[in-house]
Protein backbone atom coordinates (compact mmCIF):
# COMPACT_ATOMS: atom_id res chain seq x y z
CA UNK A 1 23.14 48.65 179.73
CA UNK A 2 19.60 47.89 180.84
CA UNK A 3 19.82 50.63 183.46
CA UNK A 4 20.89 53.14 180.81
CA UNK A 5 17.94 52.17 178.61
CA UNK A 6 15.49 52.53 181.49
CA UNK A 7 16.96 55.95 182.31
CA UNK A 8 16.58 57.06 178.69
CA UNK A 9 12.95 55.88 178.58
CA UNK A 10 12.13 57.63 181.84
CA UNK A 11 13.83 60.85 180.72
CA UNK A 12 12.44 61.05 177.17
CA UNK A 13 9.10 59.23 177.17
CA UNK A 14 7.78 59.18 180.74
CA UNK A 15 9.14 62.39 182.26
CA UNK A 16 5.64 63.84 182.90
CA UNK A 17 2.05 62.61 183.07
CA UNK A 18 1.08 64.01 179.65
CA UNK A 19 4.22 62.61 177.96
CA UNK A 20 3.46 59.24 179.54
CA UNK A 21 -0.13 59.38 178.30
CA UNK A 22 0.99 60.41 174.80
CA UNK A 23 3.57 57.62 174.70
CA UNK A 24 0.97 55.01 175.70
CA UNK A 25 -1.54 56.29 173.12
CA UNK A 26 1.10 56.22 170.37
CA UNK A 27 2.12 52.67 171.32
CA UNK A 28 -1.52 51.54 171.19
CA UNK A 29 -1.98 53.13 167.75
CA UNK A 30 1.21 51.55 166.43
CA UNK A 31 0.28 48.12 167.77
CA UNK A 32 -3.22 48.42 166.29
CA UNK A 33 -1.81 49.45 162.90
CA UNK A 34 0.72 46.60 162.87
CA UNK A 35 -1.94 44.07 163.89
CA UNK A 36 -4.32 45.17 161.12
CA UNK A 37 -1.56 45.39 158.52
CA UNK A 38 -0.28 41.88 159.34
CA UNK A 39 -3.83 40.50 159.19
CA UNK A 40 -4.49 42.20 155.86
CA UNK A 41 -1.17 40.96 154.47
CA UNK A 42 -1.81 37.35 155.44
CA UNK A 43 -5.56 36.93 155.09
CA UNK A 44 -6.99 39.60 152.80
CA UNK A 45 -4.37 40.76 150.32
CA UNK A 46 -4.35 39.13 146.88
CA UNK A 47 -0.67 38.77 146.10
CA UNK A 48 -1.46 36.88 142.89
CA UNK A 49 -1.28 40.25 141.13
CA UNK A 50 2.44 40.36 141.95
CA UNK A 51 3.12 36.67 141.37
CA UNK A 52 1.40 36.56 137.96
CA UNK A 53 2.90 39.83 136.73
CA UNK A 54 6.38 39.55 138.24
CA UNK A 55 8.13 39.45 134.82
CA UNK A 56 6.23 42.60 133.81
CA UNK A 57 7.32 44.37 136.99
CA UNK A 58 10.95 43.44 136.47
CA UNK A 59 11.59 43.53 132.69
CA UNK A 60 8.30 44.60 131.15
CA UNK A 61 7.73 43.38 127.61
CA UNK A 62 11.40 42.76 126.85
CA UNK A 63 11.53 39.56 124.73
CA UNK A 64 12.09 36.49 126.88
CA UNK A 65 14.50 35.03 124.33
CA UNK A 66 16.79 38.04 124.86
CA UNK A 67 16.89 38.00 128.66
CA UNK A 68 20.55 37.00 128.40
CA UNK A 69 21.30 40.52 127.19
CA UNK A 70 19.95 41.89 130.47
CA UNK A 71 22.19 39.52 132.43
CA UNK A 72 25.23 40.73 130.49
CA UNK A 73 24.28 44.36 131.10
CA UNK A 74 23.80 43.60 134.81
CA UNK A 75 27.22 41.94 134.85
CA UNK A 76 28.87 44.98 133.23
CA UNK A 77 27.30 47.41 135.69
CA UNK A 78 28.11 45.17 138.68
CA UNK A 79 31.73 44.84 137.55
CA UNK A 80 32.09 48.62 137.20
CA UNK A 81 30.51 49.18 140.62
CA UNK A 82 32.91 46.70 142.25
CA UNK A 83 35.93 48.32 140.60
CA UNK A 84 34.74 51.80 141.58
CA UNK A 85 34.15 50.67 145.16
CA UNK A 86 37.65 49.14 145.28
CA UNK A 87 39.18 52.43 144.15
CA UNK A 88 37.61 54.29 147.07
CA UNK A 89 38.13 51.76 149.85
CA UNK A 90 41.46 50.26 148.78
CA UNK A 91 43.63 49.39 151.75
CA UNK A 92 47.32 50.16 152.13
CA UNK A 93 48.38 46.88 150.57
CA UNK A 94 51.12 47.96 148.18
CA UNK A 95 50.39 45.48 145.36
CA UNK A 96 46.67 46.17 145.42
CA UNK A 97 47.33 49.88 145.66
CA UNK A 98 49.48 49.84 142.53
CA UNK A 99 46.89 47.80 140.62
CA UNK A 100 44.08 50.18 141.64
CA UNK A 101 46.19 53.18 140.66
CA UNK A 102 46.48 51.76 137.15
CA UNK A 103 42.67 51.62 136.91
CA UNK A 104 41.92 55.10 138.26
CA UNK A 105 42.61 57.11 135.07
CA UNK A 106 40.38 54.76 133.06
CA UNK A 107 37.50 54.61 135.52
CA UNK A 108 35.50 57.69 134.50
CA UNK A 109 35.94 57.16 130.72
CA UNK A 110 34.88 53.53 131.14
CA UNK A 111 31.69 54.52 132.97
CA UNK A 112 30.87 57.11 130.30
CA UNK A 113 31.63 54.69 127.46
CA UNK A 114 29.49 51.97 129.06
CA UNK A 115 26.32 54.09 128.75
CA UNK A 116 26.06 54.19 124.91
CA UNK A 117 27.50 50.66 124.74
CA UNK A 118 24.70 49.27 126.96
CA UNK A 119 21.99 51.12 125.04
CA UNK A 120 23.42 49.94 121.72
CA UNK A 121 23.77 46.35 122.90
CA UNK A 122 20.23 46.15 124.34
CA UNK A 123 18.80 47.77 121.22
CA UNK A 124 20.38 45.24 118.89
CA UNK A 125 24.05 45.98 118.35
CA UNK A 126 26.67 43.46 117.22
CA UNK A 127 24.27 42.13 114.58
CA UNK A 128 21.67 41.08 117.16
CA UNK A 129 17.95 41.32 116.55
CA UNK A 130 16.70 44.88 117.03
CA UNK A 131 14.51 45.44 120.10
CA UNK A 132 12.43 48.62 120.20
CA UNK A 133 12.78 50.79 123.28
CA UNK A 134 8.99 50.57 123.58
CA UNK A 135 9.62 47.07 124.95
CA UNK A 136 12.08 48.31 127.60
CA UNK A 137 9.77 48.56 130.59
CA UNK A 138 9.49 48.01 134.31
CA UNK A 139 12.30 47.89 136.84
CA UNK A 140 15.01 47.36 134.22
CA UNK A 141 14.10 50.67 132.55
CA UNK A 142 13.99 52.47 135.91
CA UNK A 143 17.46 51.24 136.87
CA UNK A 144 18.87 51.82 133.40
CA UNK A 145 17.64 55.42 133.26
CA UNK A 146 18.85 56.10 136.80
CA UNK A 147 22.33 54.61 136.31
CA UNK A 148 22.96 56.34 132.99
CA UNK A 149 21.66 59.69 134.28
CA UNK A 150 23.84 59.43 137.40
CA UNK A 151 26.94 58.51 135.39
CA UNK A 152 26.48 61.48 133.03
CA UNK A 153 25.24 64.11 135.49
CA UNK A 154 27.99 63.49 138.07
CA UNK A 155 30.99 64.70 135.99
CA UNK A 156 28.88 67.45 134.40
CA UNK A 157 27.87 68.64 137.86
CA UNK A 158 31.53 68.78 138.91
CA UNK A 159 32.40 70.83 135.82
CA UNK A 160 29.52 73.23 136.49
CA UNK A 161 30.56 73.62 140.13
CA UNK A 162 34.12 74.41 139.06
CA UNK A 163 32.75 76.77 136.40
CA UNK A 164 30.68 78.65 138.98
CA UNK A 165 33.80 79.24 141.08
CA UNK A 166 35.94 80.12 138.04
CA UNK A 167 37.60 83.51 137.61
CA UNK A 168 36.63 83.56 133.93
CA UNK A 169 33.57 85.82 133.59
CA UNK A 170 31.86 83.98 130.70
CA UNK A 171 32.27 80.50 132.22
CA UNK A 172 31.19 81.65 135.68
CA UNK A 173 28.04 83.43 134.51
CA UNK A 174 27.09 80.67 132.09
CA UNK A 175 27.29 78.19 134.99
CA UNK A 176 25.30 80.46 137.30
CA UNK A 177 22.57 81.06 134.70
CA UNK A 178 22.25 77.37 133.89
CA UNK A 179 22.09 76.30 137.55
CA UNK A 180 19.60 78.97 138.62
CA UNK A 181 17.33 78.52 135.59
CA UNK A 182 17.18 74.73 135.85
CA UNK A 183 16.69 74.79 139.62
CA UNK A 184 13.78 77.14 139.11
CA UNK A 185 11.92 74.68 136.86
CA UNK A 186 10.05 71.52 137.93
CA UNK A 187 11.41 68.21 136.70
CA UNK A 188 8.19 67.32 134.88
CA UNK A 189 8.49 70.56 132.90
CA UNK A 190 12.06 69.75 131.91
CA UNK A 191 11.04 66.24 130.84
CA UNK A 192 8.32 67.65 128.60
CA UNK A 193 10.77 70.22 127.19
CA UNK A 194 13.26 67.42 126.42
CA UNK A 195 10.57 65.35 124.72
CA UNK A 196 8.96 68.14 122.69
CA UNK A 197 11.47 70.94 122.21
CA UNK A 198 14.82 69.14 122.09
CA UNK A 199 14.19 67.76 118.55
CA UNK A 200 13.56 71.34 117.36
CA UNK A 201 17.23 72.20 118.02
CA UNK A 202 18.55 69.22 116.08
CA UNK A 203 18.81 68.60 112.33
CA UNK A 204 15.63 67.17 110.82
CA UNK A 205 17.42 63.98 109.76
CA UNK A 206 18.54 63.35 113.37
CA UNK A 207 15.63 61.90 115.34
CA UNK A 208 16.38 61.09 118.95
CA UNK A 209 14.66 58.12 120.54
CA UNK A 210 12.15 58.84 123.30
CA UNK A 211 14.42 57.07 125.80
CA UNK A 212 17.40 59.29 124.90
CA UNK A 213 15.24 62.39 125.34
CA UNK A 214 14.14 61.11 128.74
CA UNK A 215 17.77 60.65 129.80
CA UNK A 216 18.55 64.15 128.53
CA UNK A 217 15.78 65.62 130.70
CA UNK A 218 16.97 63.80 133.82
CA UNK A 219 20.59 64.79 133.17
CA UNK A 220 19.71 68.46 132.60
CA UNK A 221 17.81 68.55 135.89
CA UNK A 222 20.20 66.52 138.03
CA UNK A 223 23.34 68.28 136.83
CA UNK A 224 22.24 71.64 138.28
CA UNK A 225 21.58 70.17 141.73
CA UNK A 226 24.75 68.11 141.62
CA UNK A 227 26.74 71.26 140.86
CA UNK A 228 25.41 72.98 143.97
CA UNK A 229 26.22 69.96 146.13
CA UNK A 230 29.77 69.85 144.83
CA UNK A 231 30.13 73.63 145.20
CA UNK A 232 29.32 73.24 148.88
CA UNK A 233 32.26 70.84 149.16
CA UNK A 234 34.56 73.19 147.26
CA UNK A 235 33.77 75.99 149.69
CA UNK A 236 34.81 73.80 152.62
CA UNK A 237 38.42 73.56 151.37
CA UNK A 238 40.72 76.09 153.11
CA UNK A 239 42.31 78.57 150.73
CA UNK A 240 45.69 77.87 152.34
CA UNK A 241 45.77 74.33 150.94
CA UNK A 242 45.33 75.60 147.39
CA UNK A 243 48.03 78.21 147.86
CA UNK A 244 50.39 75.63 149.38
CA UNK A 245 49.86 73.27 146.43
CA UNK A 246 50.58 76.07 143.98
CA UNK A 247 53.67 77.02 145.97
CA UNK A 248 54.96 73.48 145.45
CA UNK A 249 54.76 74.06 141.70
CA UNK A 250 51.58 72.14 140.88
CA UNK A 251 49.64 73.59 137.93
CA UNK A 252 46.02 74.59 138.55
CA UNK A 253 44.46 71.48 136.91
CA UNK A 254 46.52 69.17 139.14
CA UNK A 255 45.69 71.25 142.21
CA UNK A 256 42.01 70.77 141.48
CA UNK A 257 42.28 67.05 140.65
CA UNK A 258 44.73 65.98 143.37
CA UNK A 259 44.04 68.39 146.23
CA UNK A 260 40.66 70.10 145.97
CA UNK A 261 38.24 67.59 144.45
CA UNK A 262 39.10 64.54 146.63
CA UNK A 263 38.48 66.52 149.82
CA UNK A 264 35.45 68.37 148.44
CA UNK A 265 33.70 65.21 147.25
CA UNK A 266 34.46 63.43 150.52
CA UNK A 267 32.83 66.26 152.45
CA UNK A 268 29.57 66.09 150.47
CA UNK A 269 29.13 62.32 150.06
CA UNK A 270 25.77 62.37 151.92
CA UNK A 271 24.45 65.18 149.71
CA UNK A 272 25.65 63.50 146.52
CA UNK A 273 24.15 60.13 147.45
CA UNK A 274 20.95 61.91 148.43
CA UNK A 275 20.87 63.39 144.94
CA UNK A 276 21.41 59.95 143.43
CA UNK A 277 18.55 58.52 145.51
CA UNK A 278 16.31 61.40 144.48
CA UNK A 279 17.18 60.82 140.84
CA UNK A 280 16.26 57.13 141.12
CA UNK A 281 12.85 58.06 142.53
CA UNK A 282 12.39 60.85 139.99
CA UNK A 283 12.41 58.26 137.19
CA UNK A 284 8.79 57.55 138.19
CA UNK A 285 7.84 60.76 136.35
CA UNK A 286 9.00 59.27 133.06
CA UNK A 287 5.68 57.46 132.74
CA UNK A 288 4.06 60.86 132.15
CA UNK A 289 6.09 61.28 128.95
CA UNK A 290 5.37 57.84 127.52
CA UNK A 291 8.16 55.75 129.04
CA UNK A 292 6.68 52.73 130.84
CA UNK A 293 9.09 52.37 133.77
CA UNK A 294 8.22 50.68 137.06
CA UNK A 295 5.41 53.06 138.05
CA UNK A 296 3.97 53.16 134.53
CA UNK A 297 4.05 49.35 134.34
CA UNK A 298 2.19 49.24 137.65
CA UNK A 299 -0.63 51.29 136.15
CA UNK A 300 -0.73 48.96 133.14
CA UNK A 301 -1.00 45.93 135.42
CA UNK A 302 -3.81 47.56 137.41
CA UNK A 303 -5.74 47.94 134.15
CA UNK A 304 -5.95 44.16 133.78
CA UNK A 305 -9.61 43.12 134.32
CA UNK A 306 -8.84 40.43 136.92
CA UNK A 307 -6.73 42.82 139.05
CA UNK A 308 -8.74 46.05 138.91
CA UNK A 309 -8.74 47.73 142.31
CA UNK A 310 -5.67 45.91 143.72
CA UNK A 311 -3.85 49.20 144.28
CA UNK A 312 -2.52 48.37 147.74
CA UNK A 313 -0.75 45.15 146.76
CA UNK A 314 0.79 46.64 143.62
CA UNK A 315 2.02 49.88 145.14
CA UNK A 316 3.32 48.20 148.30
CA UNK A 317 5.40 45.89 146.12
CA UNK A 318 6.62 48.81 143.98
CA UNK A 319 7.42 50.85 147.09
CA UNK A 320 9.38 47.90 148.49
CA UNK A 321 11.47 47.71 145.31
CA UNK A 322 12.26 51.43 145.47
CA UNK A 323 13.11 51.15 149.16
CA UNK A 324 15.51 48.24 148.61
CA UNK A 325 17.57 50.14 146.03
CA UNK A 326 17.43 53.49 147.85
CA UNK A 327 18.42 51.95 151.18
CA UNK A 328 21.23 50.01 149.50
CA UNK A 329 22.64 53.27 148.14
CA UNK A 330 22.32 54.91 151.55
CA UNK A 331 24.02 51.97 153.26
CA UNK A 332 26.85 51.97 150.72
CA UNK A 333 27.40 55.71 151.24
CA UNK A 334 27.66 55.28 155.01
CA UNK A 335 30.20 52.48 154.64
CA UNK A 336 32.14 54.59 152.15
CA UNK A 337 32.22 57.50 154.59
CA UNK A 338 33.56 55.27 157.36
CA UNK A 339 36.23 53.83 155.07
CA UNK A 340 37.40 57.28 153.94
CA UNK A 341 37.42 58.65 157.48
CA UNK A 342 39.41 55.70 158.82
């Protein structure tokens, strides 16, 4: 093993005098950067800005007496994630397989129903004290917006992808126009359109909350890209499989649900998860339309007189939070791929 590693180093990093020199210079720069960064982290950085404002980073101005609501919401989302994961990686145990099969038809409706239920519960449903969405800040708002937008945009993206490949002229061209128009607009523009123009298309007595309009903007944007990712998977399915399924007497809806979609989605798991990760990071733009998510809360904390100028500490901590969630999604997608392949 050691011999193989030495051979690889000699072949890729020290195969000529200039590659050897470049390798040594890069190593010196990396070591110097690490040394200075470690020294700054230990001796110079003022991490009190994170310690003092940790509740603001995580839950913003959400009332402390109602933190139990957040724990319930976290429990609901965790439970749904575990059930969804079990559906995809279920083993060939017959009893477990039958139990999971009973849950499959209810999985998507449950996810969709959980979105308005969570918003209603956090806002003051079930006779609880009303909590304005202006107090929903920080990491909890970032995750909430990302999860709800993912849950809604995923099935809509599948429908758009199927619509773009449909033989019906109106459905196909509507899907094409929507996808191409939305993909030609920047996300920040769509967020401003959702905040300013969306109420113009609704009755005057119906006033959407700023948070709902933010979700609408993210969903409109993400759905178009999700549709193209799914369409790539649909194109990878051989035509012969569809014809064989129809020859067995399966109607077209069942062919799509049982034959086409499982294989298509499996083929584009990396692209879909990449879209989910991008959507999580895109929530940082919500601060530009008045929603104080994690990035917006960071700017509010930096405005505190005792922490003015502590940009490095704040944004390193924020970047670490984003990295943890993004890498967790990437790691989960890789494990899911391995399970489905095996």
